[in-house]
């Protein structure tokens, strides 16, 4: 979640008897070259097409991070995304209420199965949910989020409710909406949750890189770790890659003042790259000033494709396959 675009009000309504109504390896670490830094390919040519092209739906995109629970009509937004050939969305929680709503939407709006390679999307798209506490709200305490995880775990299991990650969580020293010590404690506790439940970890970090990596090292980096809305520089990107994390890029890559970030995109290994909208925030150029939506993941993806010299179909394939790895969606 980012505050640099006009956000809609959160939907904090409780869902009551929502469970009844709805029907109740460790990822390989970065290989290092002789200098100790990860090799960063820029132009992978035909080998990328061979690796990703045939095995994934052609030109079907994944939005790895969005906030549909903030949308006035999530079903319509999903339909518009589907029309733009976005076949999968990860709806991200930021506190107990938004996490509960994300789980509800994933259960209510998700298609029954993934589209087959090259097939039309048909009636639906896949939706998944995350459960977590944003650093802005860390002062509220992790208790309600823990209670939600326990509730879901004892009502069929987290996977049956399409929960694929803990987060977004982390540190935000720009706004300091919660005391920094509290942010650090709550972040550490959510890393432990991701490790305990074998879920991915979705990280929000802003002006807090040193503490972020220190806490990750102390708690143990989860098998699948995602730096959401990555906006750091080359050194931060290298640190993320060294711990085997994915870098998720948003519409910021289209902003005029984001040249340094675009260079990070160029150097990011294709198998460590995710594409997101963070909708309704961070609307990409040329749609600035409008509400963002998952359909715009194609705009972000095309911008990344231009930077890396990849065709849109290849970026769509990357968004699909890398999301499967990052969130453990294959099994």
C-alpha atoms as a PDB file:
ATOM      1  CA  UNK A   1       0.000   0.000   0.000  1.00  0.00           C
ATOM      2  CA  UNK A   2       1.302   3.449  -0.896  1.00  0.00           C
ATOM      3  CA  UNK A   3      -0.073   6.857  -0.002  1.00  0.00           C
ATOM      4  CA  UNK A   4       1.324   8.742  -3.012  1.00  0.00           C
ATOM      5  CA  UNK A   5      -1.956   8.392  -4.913  1.00  0.00           C
ATOM      6  CA  UNK A   6      -5.445   9.257  -3.687  1.00  0.00           C
ATOM      7  CA  UNK A   7      -6.588   6.222  -1.687  1.00  0.00           C
ATOM      8  CA  UNK A   8     -10.168   5.240  -1.201  1.00  0.00           C
ATOM      9  CA  UNK A   9     -11.493   4.734   2.291  1.00  0.00           C
ATOM     10  CA  UNK A  10     -10.848   1.306   3.736  1.00  0.00           C
ATOM     11  CA  UNK A  11     -13.753  -1.040   4.082  1.00  0.00           C
ATOM     12  CA  UNK A  12     -13.537  -1.815   7.784  1.00  0.00           C
ATOM     13  CA  UNK A  13     -16.910  -3.493   8.030  1.00  0.00           C
ATOM     14  CA  UNK A  14     -16.955  -6.782   9.846  1.00  0.00           C
ATOM     15  CA  UNK A  15     -18.272  -9.727   7.875  1.00  0.00           C
ATOM     16  CA  UNK A  16     -20.144 -11.446  10.708  1.00  0.00           C
ATOM     17  CA  UNK A  17     -20.827 -15.093   9.896  1.00  0.00           C
ATOM     18  CA  UNK A  18     -18.688 -14.896   6.772  1.00  0.00           C
ATOM     19  CA  UNK A  19     -17.186 -18.370   7.146  1.00  0.00           C
ATOM     20  CA  UNK A  20     -20.621 -19.966   7.220  1.00  0.00           C
ATOM     21  CA  UNK A  21     -21.886 -17.838   4.328  1.00  0.00           C
ATOM     22  CA  UNK A  22     -18.968 -18.811   2.139  1.00  0.00           C
ATOM     23  CA  UNK A  23     -19.397 -22.517   2.831  1.00  0.00           C
ATOM     24  CA  UNK A  24     -17.637 -23.342   5.671  1.00  0.00           C
ATOM     25  CA  UNK A  25      11.253 -25.733  -0.808  1.00  0.00           C
ATOM     26  CA  UNK A  26      12.923 -23.335   0.247  1.00  0.00           C
ATOM     27  CA  UNK A  27      13.423 -21.299  -2.916  1.00  0.00           C
ATOM     28  CA  UNK A  28      16.908 -21.590  -4.326  1.00  0.00           C
ATOM     29  CA  UNK A  29      19.062 -18.767  -3.036  1.00  0.00           C
ATOM     30  CA  UNK A  30      20.685 -16.474  -5.546  1.00  0.00           C
ATOM     31  CA  UNK A  31      23.622 -18.056  -7.306  1.00  0.00           C
ATOM     32  CA  UNK A  32      26.737 -15.958  -6.919  1.00  0.00           C
ATOM     33  CA  UNK A  33      29.573 -15.319  -9.322  1.00  0.00           C
ATOM     34  CA  UNK A  34      33.206 -15.147  -8.329  1.00  0.00           C
ATOM     35  CA  UNK A  35      32.777 -11.568  -7.016  1.00  0.00           C
ATOM     36  CA  UNK A  36      30.099 -12.670  -4.557  1.00  0.00           C
ATOM     37  CA  UNK A  37      27.367 -10.815  -6.440  1.00  0.00           C
ATOM     38  CA  UNK A  38      24.485 -12.402  -8.247  1.00  0.00           C
ATOM     39  CA  UNK A  39      24.845 -12.513 -11.998  1.00  0.00           C
ATOM     40  CA  UNK A  40      22.199 -10.171 -13.443  1.00  0.00           C
ATOM     41  CA  UNK A  41      21.258 -10.966 -17.052  1.00  0.00           C
ATOM     42  CA  UNK A  42      19.871  -8.080 -19.090  1.00  0.00           C
ATOM     43  CA  UNK A  43      18.990  -9.758 -22.381  1.00  0.00           C
ATOM     44  CA  UNK A  44      18.092 -13.418 -22.143  1.00  0.00           C
ATOM     45  CA  UNK A  45      17.031 -13.863 -25.755  1.00  0.00           C
ATOM     46  CA  UNK A  46      15.550 -17.155 -26.901  1.00  0.00           C
ATOM     47  CA  UNK A  47      16.385 -19.047 -23.713  1.00  0.00           C
ATOM     48  CA  UNK A  48      13.702 -17.106 -21.873  1.00  0.00           C
ATOM     49  CA  UNK A  49      11.093 -17.967 -24.466  1.00  0.00           C
ATOM     50  CA  UNK A  50      12.120 -21.607 -24.230  1.00  0.00           C
ATOM     51  CA  UNK A  51      11.898 -21.552 -20.435  1.00  0.00           C
ATOM     52  CA  UNK A  52       8.653 -19.653 -19.915  1.00  0.00           C
ATOM     53  CA  UNK A  53       6.795 -19.288 -23.179  1.00  0.00           C
ATOM     54  CA  UNK A  54       5.336 -22.757 -23.873  1.00  0.00           C
ATOM     55  CA  UNK A  55       4.453 -23.606 -20.274  1.00  0.00           C
ATOM     56  CA  UNK A  56       2.231 -20.642 -19.369  1.00  0.00           C
ATOM     57  CA  UNK A  57      -0.947 -19.114 -20.763  1.00  0.00           C
ATOM     58  CA  UNK A  58      -0.098 -16.778 -23.627  1.00  0.00           C
ATOM     59  CA  UNK A  59      -0.515 -13.104 -22.699  1.00  0.00           C
ATOM     60  CA  UNK A  60      -2.334 -13.808 -19.420  1.00  0.00           C
ATOM     61  CA  UNK A  61      -1.062 -11.542 -16.662  1.00  0.00           C
ATOM     62  CA  UNK A  62      -0.798 -11.758 -12.876  1.00  0.00           C
ATOM     63  CA  UNK A  63      -1.243  -8.739 -10.606  1.00  0.00           C
ATOM     64  CA  UNK A  64       0.904  -9.746  -7.641  1.00  0.00           C
ATOM     65  CA  UNK A  65      -0.379  -7.043  -5.277  1.00  0.00           C
ATOM     66  CA  UNK A  66      -3.685  -5.185  -5.230  1.00  0.00           C
ATOM     67  CA  UNK A  67      -6.268  -4.031  -2.685  1.00  0.00           C
ATOM     68  CA  UNK A  68      -9.638  -5.049  -4.102  1.00  0.00           C
ATOM     69  CA  UNK A  69     -11.211  -4.692  -0.678  1.00  0.00           C
ATOM     70  CA  UNK A  70     -10.904  -0.919  -1.163  1.00  0.00           C
ATOM     71  CA  UNK A  71     -12.903  -1.095  -4.384  1.00  0.00           C
ATOM     72  CA  UNK A  72     -16.562   0.037  -4.518  1.00  0.00           C
ATOM     73  CA  UNK A  73     -17.395  -2.819  -6.932  1.00  0.00           C
ATOM     74  CA  UNK A  74     -14.767  -5.571  -6.753  1.00  0.00           C
ATOM     75  CA  UNK A  75     -16.685  -7.921  -9.050  1.00  0.00           C
ATOM     76  CA  UNK A  76     -16.785  -5.319 -11.811  1.00  0.00           C
ATOM     77  CA  UNK A  77     -13.104  -4.541 -11.300  1.00  0.00           C
ATOM     78  CA  UNK A  78     -12.229  -8.236 -11.605  1.00  0.00           C
ATOM     79  CA  UNK A  79     -14.345  -8.452 -14.773  1.00  0.00           C
ATOM     80  CA  UNK A  80     -12.516  -5.483 -16.289  1.00  0.00           C
ATOM     81  CA  UNK A  81      -9.183  -7.041 -15.380  1.00  0.00           C
ATOM     82  CA  UNK A  82     -10.237 -10.314 -16.954  1.00  0.00           C
ATOM     83  CA  UNK A  83     -11.181  -8.441 -20.150  1.00  0.00           C
ATOM     84  CA  UNK A  84      -7.626  -7.034 -20.144  1.00  0.00           C
ATOM     85  CA  UNK A  85      -6.301 -10.619 -19.893  1.00  0.00           C
ATOM     86  CA  UNK A  86      -5.333 -10.438 -16.245  1.00  0.00           C
ATOM     87  CA  UNK A  87      -5.935 -13.983 -15.087  1.00  0.00           C
ATOM     88  CA  UNK A  88      -4.737 -13.849 -11.511  1.00  0.00           C
ATOM     89  CA  UNK A  89      -4.753 -11.293  -8.676  1.00  0.00           C
ATOM     90  CA  UNK A  90      -3.366 -11.359  -5.146  1.00  0.00           C
ATOM     91  CA  UNK A  91      -5.579  -9.302  -2.827  1.00  0.00           C
ATOM     92  CA  UNK A  92      -3.429  -8.004   0.024  1.00  0.00           C
ATOM     93  CA  UNK A  93      -4.493  -7.412   3.624  1.00  0.00           C
ATOM     94  CA  UNK A  94      -3.186  -4.588   5.783  1.00  0.00           C
ATOM     95  CA  UNK A  95      -5.006  -5.304   9.072  1.00  0.00           C
ATOM     96  CA  UNK A  96      -7.546  -7.786  10.426  1.00  0.00           C
ATOM     97  CA  UNK A  97     -10.557  -6.207   8.708  1.00  0.00           C
ATOM     98  CA  UNK A  98      -8.939  -5.792   5.292  1.00  0.00           C
ATOM     99  CA  UNK A  99      -7.385  -9.262   5.510  1.00  0.00           C
ATOM    100  CA  UNK A 100     -10.771 -10.787   6.321  1.00  0.00           C
ATOM    101  CA  UNK A 101     -12.286  -8.929   3.391  1.00  0.00           C
ATOM    102  CA  UNK A 102      -9.469 -10.134   1.098  1.00  0.00           C
ATOM    103  CA  UNK A 103     -10.191 -13.742   2.076  1.00  0.00           C
ATOM    104  CA  UNK A 104     -13.906 -13.197   1.478  1.00  0.00           C
ATOM    105  CA  UNK A 105     -13.312 -11.763  -1.991  1.00  0.00           C
ATOM    106  CA  UNK A 106     -10.899 -14.541  -2.932  1.00  0.00           C
ATOM    107  CA  UNK A 107     -13.539 -17.125  -2.007  1.00  0.00           C
ATOM    108  CA  UNK A 108     -16.460 -15.308  -3.638  1.00  0.00           C
ATOM    109  CA  UNK A 109     -14.923 -14.055  -6.875  1.00  0.00           C
ATOM    110  CA  UNK A 110     -12.252 -16.580  -7.809  1.00  0.00           C
ATOM    111  CA  UNK A 111     -12.632 -18.860 -10.794  1.00  0.00           C
ATOM    112  CA  UNK A 112     -12.700 -22.575 -10.124  1.00  0.00           C
ATOM    113  CA  UNK A 113      -9.425 -23.253 -11.892  1.00  0.00           C
ATOM    114  CA  UNK A 114      -6.566 -21.663 -13.769  1.00  0.00           C
ATOM    115  CA  UNK A 115      -7.108 -21.027 -17.477  1.00  0.00           C
ATOM    116  CA  UNK A 116      -5.381 -23.551 -19.701  1.00  0.00           C
ATOM    117  CA  UNK A 117      -2.363 -22.388 -21.709  1.00  0.00           C
ATOM    118  CA  UNK A 118      -3.505 -20.279 -24.627  1.00  0.00           C
ATOM    119  CA  UNK A 119      -7.190 -20.662 -23.741  1.00  0.00           C
ATOM    120  CA  UNK A 120      -9.656 -17.791 -23.294  1.00  0.00           C
ATOM    121  CA  UNK A 121     -10.153 -16.712 -19.705  1.00  0.00           C
ATOM    122  CA  UNK A 122     -13.797 -17.625 -19.716  1.00  0.00           C
ATOM    123  CA  UNK A 123     -15.947 -16.645 -16.768  1.00  0.00           C
ATOM    124  CA  UNK A 124     -13.410 -15.821 -14.103  1.00  0.00           C
ATOM    125  CA  UNK A 125      -9.925 -15.135 -12.875  1.00  0.00           C
ATOM    126  CA  UNK A 126      -8.010 -16.603  -9.961  1.00  0.00           C
ATOM    127  CA  UNK A 127      -7.954 -14.588  -6.738  1.00  0.00           C
ATOM    128  CA  UNK A 128      -5.750 -15.197  -3.730  1.00  0.00           C
ATOM    129  CA  UNK A 129      -5.495 -13.420  -0.381  1.00  0.00           C
ATOM    130  CA  UNK A 130      -2.880 -12.375   2.144  1.00  0.00           C
ATOM    131  CA  UNK A 131      -3.282 -11.765   5.860  1.00  0.00           C
ATOM    132  CA  UNK A 132      -1.142  -9.216   7.647  1.00  0.00           C
ATOM    133  CA  UNK A 133      -0.655  -5.957   9.530  1.00  0.00           C
ATOM    134  CA  UNK A 134       0.814  -2.920   7.781  1.00  0.00           C
ATOM    135  CA  UNK A 135       3.551  -1.022   9.657  1.00  0.00           C
ATOM    136  CA  UNK A 136       1.301   2.038   9.779  1.00  0.00           C
ATOM    137  CA  UNK A 137      -1.074   0.019  11.979  1.00  0.00           C
ATOM    138  CA  UNK A 138       1.513  -1.864  14.014  1.00  0.00           C
ATOM    139  CA  UNK A 139       0.534   0.072  17.132  1.00  0.00           C
ATOM    140  CA  UNK A 140      -2.861  -1.670  17.029  1.00  0.00           C
ATOM    141  CA  UNK A 141      -1.152  -4.964  17.823  1.00  0.00           C
ATOM    142  CA  UNK A 142      -1.025  -8.271  16.018  1.00  0.00           C
ATOM    143  CA  UNK A 143      -3.660  -9.985  18.177  1.00  0.00           C
ATOM    144  CA  UNK A 144      -6.624  -9.656  15.764  1.00  0.00           C
ATOM    145  CA  UNK A 145      -4.537 -10.871  12.824  1.00  0.00           C
ATOM    146  CA  UNK A 146      -3.374 -13.883  14.835  1.00  0.00           C
ATOM    147  CA  UNK A 147      -6.993 -14.622  15.739  1.00  0.00           C
ATOM    148  CA  UNK A 148      -7.991 -14.501  12.069  1.00  0.00           C
ATOM    149  CA  UNK A 149      -5.192 -16.891  11.120  1.00  0.00           C
ATOM    150  CA  UNK A 150      -6.276 -19.273  13.881  1.00  0.00           C
ATOM    151  CA  UNK A 151      -9.898 -19.028  12.728  1.00  0.00           C
ATOM    152  CA  UNK A 152      -8.984 -19.858   9.140  1.00  0.00           C
ATOM    153  CA  UNK A 153      -6.581 -22.613  10.170  1.00  0.00           C
ATOM    154  CA  UNK A 154      -9.284 -24.397  12.139  1.00  0.00           C
ATOM    155  CA  UNK A 155     -11.953 -23.868   9.443  1.00  0.00           C
ATOM    156  CA  UNK A 156     -10.455 -25.863   6.614  1.00  0.00           C
ATOM    157  CA  UNK A 157      -6.903 -24.561   6.614  1.00  0.00           C
ATOM    158  CA  UNK A 158      -5.276 -21.440   5.232  1.00  0.00           C
ATOM    159  CA  UNK A 159      -4.750 -22.874   1.762  1.00  0.00           C
ATOM    160  CA  UNK A 160      -8.392 -23.843   1.444  1.00  0.00           C
ATOM    161  CA  UNK A 161      -9.223 -20.170   2.023  1.00  0.00           C
ATOM    162  CA  UNK A 162      -6.737 -19.200  -0.699  1.00  0.00           C
ATOM    163  CA  UNK A 163      -4.384 -17.509   1.780  1.00  0.00           C
ATOM    164  CA  UNK A 164      -0.919 -17.502   0.217  1.00  0.00           C
ATOM    165  CA  UNK A 165       1.109 -14.978   2.227  1.00  0.00           C
ATOM    166  CA  UNK A 166       1.620 -13.022   5.415  1.00  0.00           C
ATOM    167  CA  UNK A 167       1.625  -9.270   4.823  1.00  0.00           C
ATOM    168  CA  UNK A 168       1.882  -6.719   3.765  1.00  0.00           C
ATOM    169  CA  UNK A 169       4.104  -6.065   6.727  1.00  0.00           C
ATOM    170  CA  UNK A 170       7.407  -4.387   7.391  1.00  0.00           C
ATOM    171  CA  UNK A 171       8.783  -0.994   8.340  1.00  0.00           C
ATOM    172  CA  UNK A 172       7.847   2.539   7.284  1.00  0.00           C
ATOM    173  CA  UNK A 173      10.103   5.231   8.720  1.00  0.00           C
ATOM    174  CA  UNK A 174       8.819   7.897   6.322  1.00  0.00           C
ATOM    175  CA  UNK A 175       5.479   8.420   8.040  1.00  0.00           C
ATOM    176  CA  UNK A 176       6.186   6.828  11.438  1.00  0.00           C
ATOM    177  CA  UNK A 177       2.467   6.262  11.989  1.00  0.00           C
ATOM    178  CA  UNK A 178       3.473   3.655  14.556  1.00  0.00           C
ATOM    179  CA  UNK A 179       6.505   3.864  16.861  1.00  0.00           C
ATOM    180  CA  UNK A 180       9.562   2.347  15.238  1.00  0.00           C
ATOM    181  CA  UNK A 181      10.211  -0.097  18.055  1.00  0.00           C
ATOM    182  CA  UNK A 182       6.651  -1.366  17.750  1.00  0.00           C
ATOM    183  CA  UNK A 183       7.005  -1.652  13.977  1.00  0.00           C
ATOM    184  CA  UNK A 184      10.138  -3.752  14.388  1.00  0.00           C
ATOM    185  CA  UNK A 185       8.523  -6.097  16.914  1.00  0.00           C
ATOM    186  CA  UNK A 186       5.399  -6.592  14.796  1.00  0.00           C
ATOM    187  CA  UNK A 187       7.444  -7.156  11.646  1.00  0.00           C
ATOM    188  CA  UNK A 188       9.571  -9.787  13.389  1.00  0.00           C
ATOM    189  CA  UNK A 189       6.433 -11.539  14.639  1.00  0.00           C
ATOM    190  CA  UNK A 190       4.973 -11.679  11.120  1.00  0.00           C
ATOM    191  CA  UNK A 191       8.181 -13.130   9.708  1.00  0.00           C
ATOM    192  CA  UNK A 192       7.782 -15.847  12.325  1.00  0.00           C
ATOM    193  CA  UNK A 193       4.176 -16.392  11.190  1.00  0.00           C
ATOM    194  CA  UNK A 194       5.254 -16.802   7.569  1.00  0.00           C
ATOM    195  CA  UNK A 195       7.871 -19.358   8.590  1.00  0.00           C
ATOM    196  CA  UNK A 196       5.462 -21.189  10.890  1.00  0.00           C
ATOM    197  CA  UNK A 197       2.700 -21.470   8.292  1.00  0.00           C
ATOM    198  CA  UNK A 198       5.040 -21.976   5.319  1.00  0.00           C
ATOM    199  CA  UNK A 199       3.578 -18.933   3.581  1.00  0.00           C
ATOM    200  CA  UNK A 200       5.196 -16.241   1.500  1.00  0.00           C
ATOM    201  CA  UNK A 201       6.128 -12.956   3.170  1.00  0.00           C
ATOM    202  CA  UNK A 202       5.083  -9.661   1.538  1.00  0.00           C
ATOM    203  CA  UNK A 203       7.290  -6.798   2.721  1.00  0.00           C
ATOM    204  CA  UNK A 204       6.605  -3.068   2.724  1.00  0.00           C
ATOM    205  CA  UNK A 205       9.768  -1.124   3.511  1.00  0.00           C
ATOM    206  CA  UNK A 206      10.292   2.612   3.249  1.00  0.00           C
ATOM    207  CA  UNK A 207      13.387   4.466   4.438  1.00  0.00           C
ATOM    208  CA  UNK A 208      14.155   1.481   6.685  1.00  0.00           C
ATOM    209  CA  UNK A 209      16.376  -0.823   4.657  1.00  0.00           C
ATOM    210  CA  UNK A 210      19.041  -1.475   7.290  1.00  0.00           C
ATOM    211  CA  UNK A 211      16.549  -2.502   9.964  1.00  0.00           C
ATOM    212  CA  UNK A 212      14.532  -4.519   7.442  1.00  0.00           C
ATOM    213  CA  UNK A 213      17.485  -6.717   6.512  1.00  0.00           C
ATOM    214  CA  UNK A 214      18.663  -6.967  10.106  1.00  0.00           C
ATOM    215  CA  UNK A 215      15.287  -8.272  11.287  1.00  0.00           C
ATOM    216  CA  UNK A 216      15.036 -10.673   8.348  1.00  0.00           C
ATOM    217  CA  UNK A 217      18.456 -12.074   9.191  1.00  0.00           C
ATOM    218  CA  UNK A 218      17.597 -12.461  12.863  1.00  0.00           C
ATOM    219  CA  UNK A 219      14.234 -14.127  12.265  1.00  0.00           C
ATOM    220  CA  UNK A 220      15.170 -16.224   9.245  1.00  0.00           C
ATOM    221  CA  UNK A 221      14.219 -15.266   5.700  1.00  0.00           C
ATOM    222  CA  UNK A 222      11.076 -17.202   4.667  1.00  0.00           C
ATOM    223  CA  UNK A 223      11.359 -19.565   1.731  1.00  0.00           C
ATOM    224  CA  UNK A 224       9.391 -17.136  -0.428  1.00  0.00           C
ATOM    225  CA  UNK A 225       9.904 -13.435   0.265  1.00  0.00           C
ATOM    226  CA  UNK A 226       8.589 -10.537  -1.825  1.00  0.00           C
ATOM    227  CA  UNK A 227       9.628  -6.901  -1.628  1.00  0.00           C
ATOM    228  CA  UNK A 228       6.367  -5.276  -2.642  1.00  0.00           C
ATOM    229  CA  UNK A 229       6.426  -2.042  -4.659  1.00  0.00           C
ATOM    230  CA  UNK A 230      10.205  -2.100  -4.773  1.00  0.00           C
ATOM    231  CA  UNK A 231      11.534   1.456  -4.975  1.00  0.00           C
ATOM    232  CA  UNK A 232      15.086   1.089  -3.706  1.00  0.00           C
ATOM    233  CA  UNK A 233      18.322   1.519  -5.569  1.00  0.00           C
ATOM    234  CA  UNK A 234      20.903  -0.862  -6.951  1.00  0.00           C
ATOM    235  CA  UNK A 235      22.462  -1.687  -3.578  1.00  0.00           C
ATOM    236  CA  UNK A 236      19.104  -2.489  -1.956  1.00  0.00           C
ATOM    237  CA  UNK A 237      18.172  -4.628  -4.949  1.00  0.00           C
ATOM    238  CA  UNK A 238      21.408  -6.605  -4.616  1.00  0.00           C
ATOM    239  CA  UNK A 239      20.708  -7.203  -0.927  1.00  0.00           C
ATOM    240  CA  UNK A 240      17.220  -8.454  -1.737  1.00  0.00           C
ATOM    241  CA  UNK A 241      18.539 -10.784  -4.409  1.00  0.00           C
ATOM    242  CA  UNK A 242      21.250 -12.139  -2.132  1.00  0.00           C
ATOM    243  CA  UNK A 243      18.601 -13.453   0.261  1.00  0.00           C
ATOM    244  CA  UNK A 244      16.653 -14.986  -2.629  1.00  0.00           C
ATOM    245  CA  UNK A 245      13.794 -12.478  -2.575  1.00  0.00           C
ATOM    246  CA  UNK A 246      11.555 -11.367  -5.424  1.00  0.00           C
ATOM    247  CA  UNK A 247      11.372  -7.704  -6.474  1.00  0.00           C
ATOM    248  CA  UNK A 248       7.817  -6.617  -7.265  1.00  0.00           C
ATOM    249  CA  UNK A 249       7.598  -3.537  -9.494  1.00  0.00           C
ATOM    250  CA  UNK A 250       4.605  -1.198  -9.659  1.00  0.00           C
ATOM    251  CA  UNK A 251       3.499   1.758 -11.746  1.00  0.00           C
ATOM    252  CA  UNK A 252       6.316   3.793 -10.224  1.00  0.00           C
ATOM    253  CA  UNK A 253       8.492   2.493 -13.074  1.00  0.00           C
ATOM    254  CA  UNK A 254       6.489   4.767 -15.411  1.00  0.00           C
ATOM    255  CA  UNK A 255       6.999   7.937 -13.339  1.00  0.00           C
ATOM    256  CA  UNK A 256       9.225  10.672 -14.756  1.00  0.00           C
ATOM    257  CA  UNK A 257      11.415  10.845 -11.634  1.00  0.00           C
ATOM    258  CA  UNK A 258      12.068   7.074 -11.427  1.00  0.00           C
ATOM    259  CA  UNK A 259      15.138   6.727 -13.653  1.00  0.00           C
ATOM    260  CA  UNK A 260      17.171   4.984 -10.945  1.00  0.00           C
ATOM    261  CA  UNK A 261      14.384   2.459 -10.431  1.00  0.00           C
ATOM    262  CA  UNK A 262      14.202   1.816 -14.169  1.00  0.00           C
ATOM    263  CA  UNK A 263      17.880   0.899 -14.118  1.00  0.00           C
ATOM    264  CA  UNK A 264      17.122  -1.589 -11.341  1.00  0.00           C
ATOM    265  CA  UNK A 265      14.395  -3.088 -13.534  1.00  0.00           C
ATOM    266  CA  UNK A 266      16.855  -3.473 -16.414  1.00  0.00           C
ATOM    267  CA  UNK A 267      19.305  -5.349 -14.182  1.00  0.00           C
ATOM    268  CA  UNK A 268      16.776  -7.456 -12.271  1.00  0.00           C
ATOM    269  CA  UNK A 269      17.069 -11.175 -13.127  1.00  0.00           C
ATOM    270  CA  UNK A 270      13.908 -12.214 -14.987  1.00  0.00           C
ATOM    271  CA  UNK A 271      13.239 -15.072 -12.569  1.00  0.00           C
ATOM    272  CA  UNK A 272      13.196 -12.659  -9.594  1.00  0.00           C
ATOM    273  CA  UNK A 273      10.741 -10.147 -11.057  1.00  0.00           C
ATOM    274  CA  UNK A 274       7.078  -9.667 -10.187  1.00  0.00           C
ATOM    275  CA  UNK A 275       4.588  -7.147 -11.578  1.00  0.00           C
ATOM    276  CA  UNK A 276       1.929  -5.402  -9.499  1.00  0.00           C
ATOM    277  CA  UNK A 277      -0.445  -2.460  -9.481  1.00  0.00           C
ATOM    278  CA  UNK A 278      -0.853  -1.793  -5.740  1.00  0.00           C
ATOM    279  CA  UNK A 279      -4.281  -0.604  -6.858  1.00  0.00           C
ATOM    280  CA  UNK A 280      -6.090   1.602  -6.066  1.00  0.00           C
ATOM    281  CA  UNK A 281      -2.765   3.385  -5.491  1.00  0.00           C
ATOM    282  CA  UNK A 282       0.139   4.267  -7.817  1.00  0.00           C
ATOM    283  CA  UNK A 283      -1.740   4.568 -11.100  1.00  0.00           C
ATOM    284  CA  UNK A 284       0.792   4.280 -13.937  1.00  0.00           C
ATOM    285  CA  UNK A 285       1.419   6.788 -16.691  1.00  0.00           C
ATOM    286  CA  UNK A 286      -0.553   7.595 -18.867  1.00  0.00           C
ATOM    287  CA  UNK A 287      -3.491   7.121 -16.482  1.00  0.00           C
ATOM    288  CA  UNK A 288      -2.245   9.281 -13.600  1.00  0.00           C
ATOM    289  CA  UNK A 289      -5.040  11.079 -11.801  1.00  0.00           C
ATOM    290  CA  UNK A 290      -7.449   8.145 -12.182  1.00  0.00           C
ATOM    291  CA  UNK A 291      -8.111   5.344  -9.754  1.00  0.00           C
ATOM    292  CA  UNK A 292      -5.756   2.437 -10.319  1.00  0.00           C
ATOM    293  CA  UNK A 293      -7.033  -1.095 -10.968  1.00  0.00           C
ATOM    294  CA  UNK A 294      -5.589  -4.560 -11.669  1.00  0.00           C
ATOM    295  CA  UNK A 295      -6.281  -4.121 -15.391  1.00  0.00           C
ATOM    296  CA  UNK A 296      -3.367  -1.675 -15.415  1.00  0.00           C
ATOM    297  CA  UNK A 297      -0.877  -4.434 -14.620  1.00  0.00           C
ATOM    298  CA  UNK A 298      -0.620  -4.725 -18.403  1.00  0.00           C
ATOM    299  CA  UNK A 299       0.558  -1.096 -18.553  1.00  0.00           C
ATOM    300  CA  UNK A 300       3.215  -1.750 -15.910  1.00  0.00           C
ATOM    301  CA  UNK A 301       4.235  -4.970 -17.633  1.00  0.00           C
ATOM    302  CA  UNK A 302       4.547  -3.332 -21.025  1.00  0.00           C
ATOM    303  CA  UNK A 303       6.712  -0.582 -19.533  1.00  0.00           C
ATOM    304  CA  UNK A 304       8.987  -3.206 -17.970  1.00  0.00           C
ATOM    305  CA  UNK A 305       9.074  -5.076 -21.265  1.00  0.00           C
ATOM    306  CA  UNK A 306      10.268  -1.978 -23.086  1.00  0.00           C
ATOM    307  CA  UNK A 307      13.034  -1.498 -20.525  1.00  0.00           C
ATOM    308  CA  UNK A 308      14.237  -5.091 -20.778  1.00  0.00           C
ATOM    309  CA  UNK A 309      13.618  -5.589 -24.486  1.00  0.00           C
ATOM    310  CA  UNK A 310      11.038  -8.336 -23.927  1.00  0.00           C
ATOM    311  CA  UNK A 311       7.817  -8.823 -25.858  1.00  0.00           C
ATOM    312  CA  UNK A 312       4.567  -8.358 -23.849  1.00  0.00           C
ATOM    313  CA  UNK A 313       3.780 -12.067 -24.124  1.00  0.00           C
ATOM    314  CA  UNK A 314       7.043 -12.898 -22.412  1.00  0.00           C
ATOM    315  CA  UNK A 315       6.412 -10.433 -19.585  1.00  0.00           C
ATOM    316  CA  UNK A 316       2.927 -11.873 -19.117  1.00  0.00           C
ATOM    317  CA  UNK A 317       4.467 -15.341 -18.920  1.00  0.00           C
ATOM    318  CA  UNK A 318       7.006 -14.105 -16.379  1.00  0.00           C
ATOM    319  CA  UNK A 319       4.273 -12.518 -14.269  1.00  0.00           C
ATOM    320  CA  UNK A 320       2.412 -15.821 -14.263  1.00  0.00           C
ATOM    321  CA  UNK A 321       5.261 -18.242 -13.599  1.00  0.00           C
ATOM    322  CA  UNK A 322       7.123 -16.079 -11.088  1.00  0.00           C
ATOM    323  CA  UNK A 323       3.945 -15.493  -9.084  1.00  0.00           C
ATOM    324  CA  UNK A 324       3.462 -19.260  -8.912  1.00  0.00           C
ATOM    325  CA  UNK A 325       6.953 -19.595  -7.446  1.00  0.00           C
ATOM    326  CA  UNK A 326       6.737 -16.558  -5.175  1.00  0.00           C
ATOM    327  CA  UNK A 327       3.394 -17.484  -3.605  1.00  0.00           C
ATOM    328  CA  UNK A 328       3.649 -21.267  -3.894  1.00  0.00           C
ATOM    329  CA  UNK A 329       0.624 -21.549  -6.172  1.00  0.00           C
ATOM    330  CA  UNK A 330       1.686 -24.691  -7.973  1.00  0.00           C
ATOM    331  CA  UNK A 331       0.630 -27.182  -5.356  1.00  0.00           C
END
